[in-house]
Amino acid sequence: MAFIQVALKTSQDRIKVFNALKGQSVTGRPVRNLVLSTDQLKTIKEAGIPVYPVSANGKNDFRKKLDIDSVIKHHPD
């Protein structure tokens, strides 16, 4: 099982993620970035919540959404 760090743009998106993943453990700093498994990413995609790639310098670029399908393809369970 692979884990991917993702960024969320708004606080409403973070609330939607926690509601969609109710009962599942989520790792990371919930204020900014989350570490999600590929199964959790599938759940996020089904809920229609946009996620963004995390940058190394802490300044996330919210112009380009993360392609969840390609992440799942590269990291199958």
Protein backbone atom coordinates (compact mmCIF):
# COMPACT_ATOMS: atom_id res chain seq x y z
CA MET A 1 0.00 0.00 0.00
CA ALA A 2 1.40 3.36 -1.03
CA PHE A 3 0.99 6.66 0.80
CA ILE A 4 0.95 10.00 -0.99
CA GLN A 5 1.20 13.46 0.55
CA VAL A 6 -1.37 15.86 -0.85
CA ALA A 7 -2.31 19.49 -0.27
CA LEU A 8 -5.81 20.89 0.11
CA LYS A 9 -6.62 24.42 -0.98
CA THR A 10 -9.40 25.51 1.36
CA SER A 11 -10.55 24.69 4.85
CA GLN A 12 -13.88 23.55 3.37
CA ASP A 13 -12.01 20.96 1.29
CA ARG A 14 -10.29 19.69 4.45
CA ILE A 15 -13.65 19.34 6.20
CA LYS A 16 -15.04 17.46 3.19
CA VAL A 17 -12.03 15.10 3.24
CA PHE A 18 -12.46 14.29 6.92
CA ASN A 19 -16.19 13.73 6.40
CA ALA A 20 -15.53 11.45 3.41
CA LEU A 21 -12.88 9.49 5.34
CA LYS A 22 -14.88 9.25 8.56
CA GLY A 23 -13.55 6.42 10.70
CA GLN A 24 -10.27 6.07 8.78
CA SER A 25 -6.91 7.19 10.13
CA VAL A 26 -5.34 10.19 8.39
CA THR A 27 -1.68 11.13 8.83
CA GLY A 28 -0.12 14.55 8.43
CA ARG A 29 -0.71 18.10 9.50
CA PRO A 30 -4.43 18.60 9.02
CA VAL A 31 -3.94 22.35 8.67
CA ARG A 32 -2.06 22.11 5.40
CA ASN A 33 -1.09 18.69 4.01
CA LEU A 34 -2.35 15.15 4.49
CA VAL A 35 -0.77 11.77 3.87
CA LEU A 36 -3.33 9.46 2.28
CA SER A 37 -3.27 5.87 1.08
CA THR A 38 -4.25 5.01 -2.47
CA ASP A 39 -7.58 3.66 -1.19
CA GLN A 40 -8.26 6.96 0.56
CA LEU A 41 -7.35 8.84 -2.64
CA LYS A 42 -9.96 6.79 -4.50
CA THR A 43 -12.54 7.81 -1.90
CA ILE A 44 -11.51 11.47 -2.26
CA LYS A 45 -11.83 11.24 -6.04
CA GLU A 46 -15.31 9.72 -5.78
CA ALA A 47 -16.33 12.55 -3.46
CA GLY A 48 -15.11 15.09 -6.05
CA ILE A 49 -12.70 16.88 -3.72
CA PRO A 50 -9.72 18.47 -5.53
CA VAL A 51 -6.24 17.68 -4.20
CA TYR A 52 -2.97 19.27 -5.22
CA PRO A 53 0.67 18.14 -5.26
CA VAL A 54 2.86 19.19 -2.34
CA SER A 55 5.97 21.25 -3.01
CA ALA A 56 9.29 20.75 -1.25
CA ASN A 57 9.58 24.37 -0.12
CA GLY A 58 6.17 24.46 1.57
CA LYS A 59 4.60 26.81 -0.98
CA ASN A 60 2.06 24.65 -2.73
CA ASP A 61 1.04 25.47 -6.29
CA PHE A 62 -2.75 25.36 -6.37
CA ARG A 63 -2.98 25.94 -10.13
CA LYS A 64 -2.34 22.30 -11.06
CA LYS A 65 -4.55 19.57 -9.61
CA LEU A 66 -3.08 16.19 -8.77
CA ASP A 67 -4.00 13.50 -11.31
CA ILE A 68 -5.26 10.82 -8.94
CA ASP A 69 -5.66 8.23 -11.71
CA SER A 70 -1.97 8.40 -12.64
CA VAL A 71 -0.94 8.17 -8.98
CA ILE A 72 -3.06 5.05 -8.51
CA LYS A 73 -1.68 3.57 -11.73
CA HIS A 74 1.93 4.10 -10.58
CA HIS A 75 1.24 2.77 -7.07
CA PRO A 76 -1.20 -0.15 -7.31
CA ASP A 77 -2.12 -1.97 -4.10
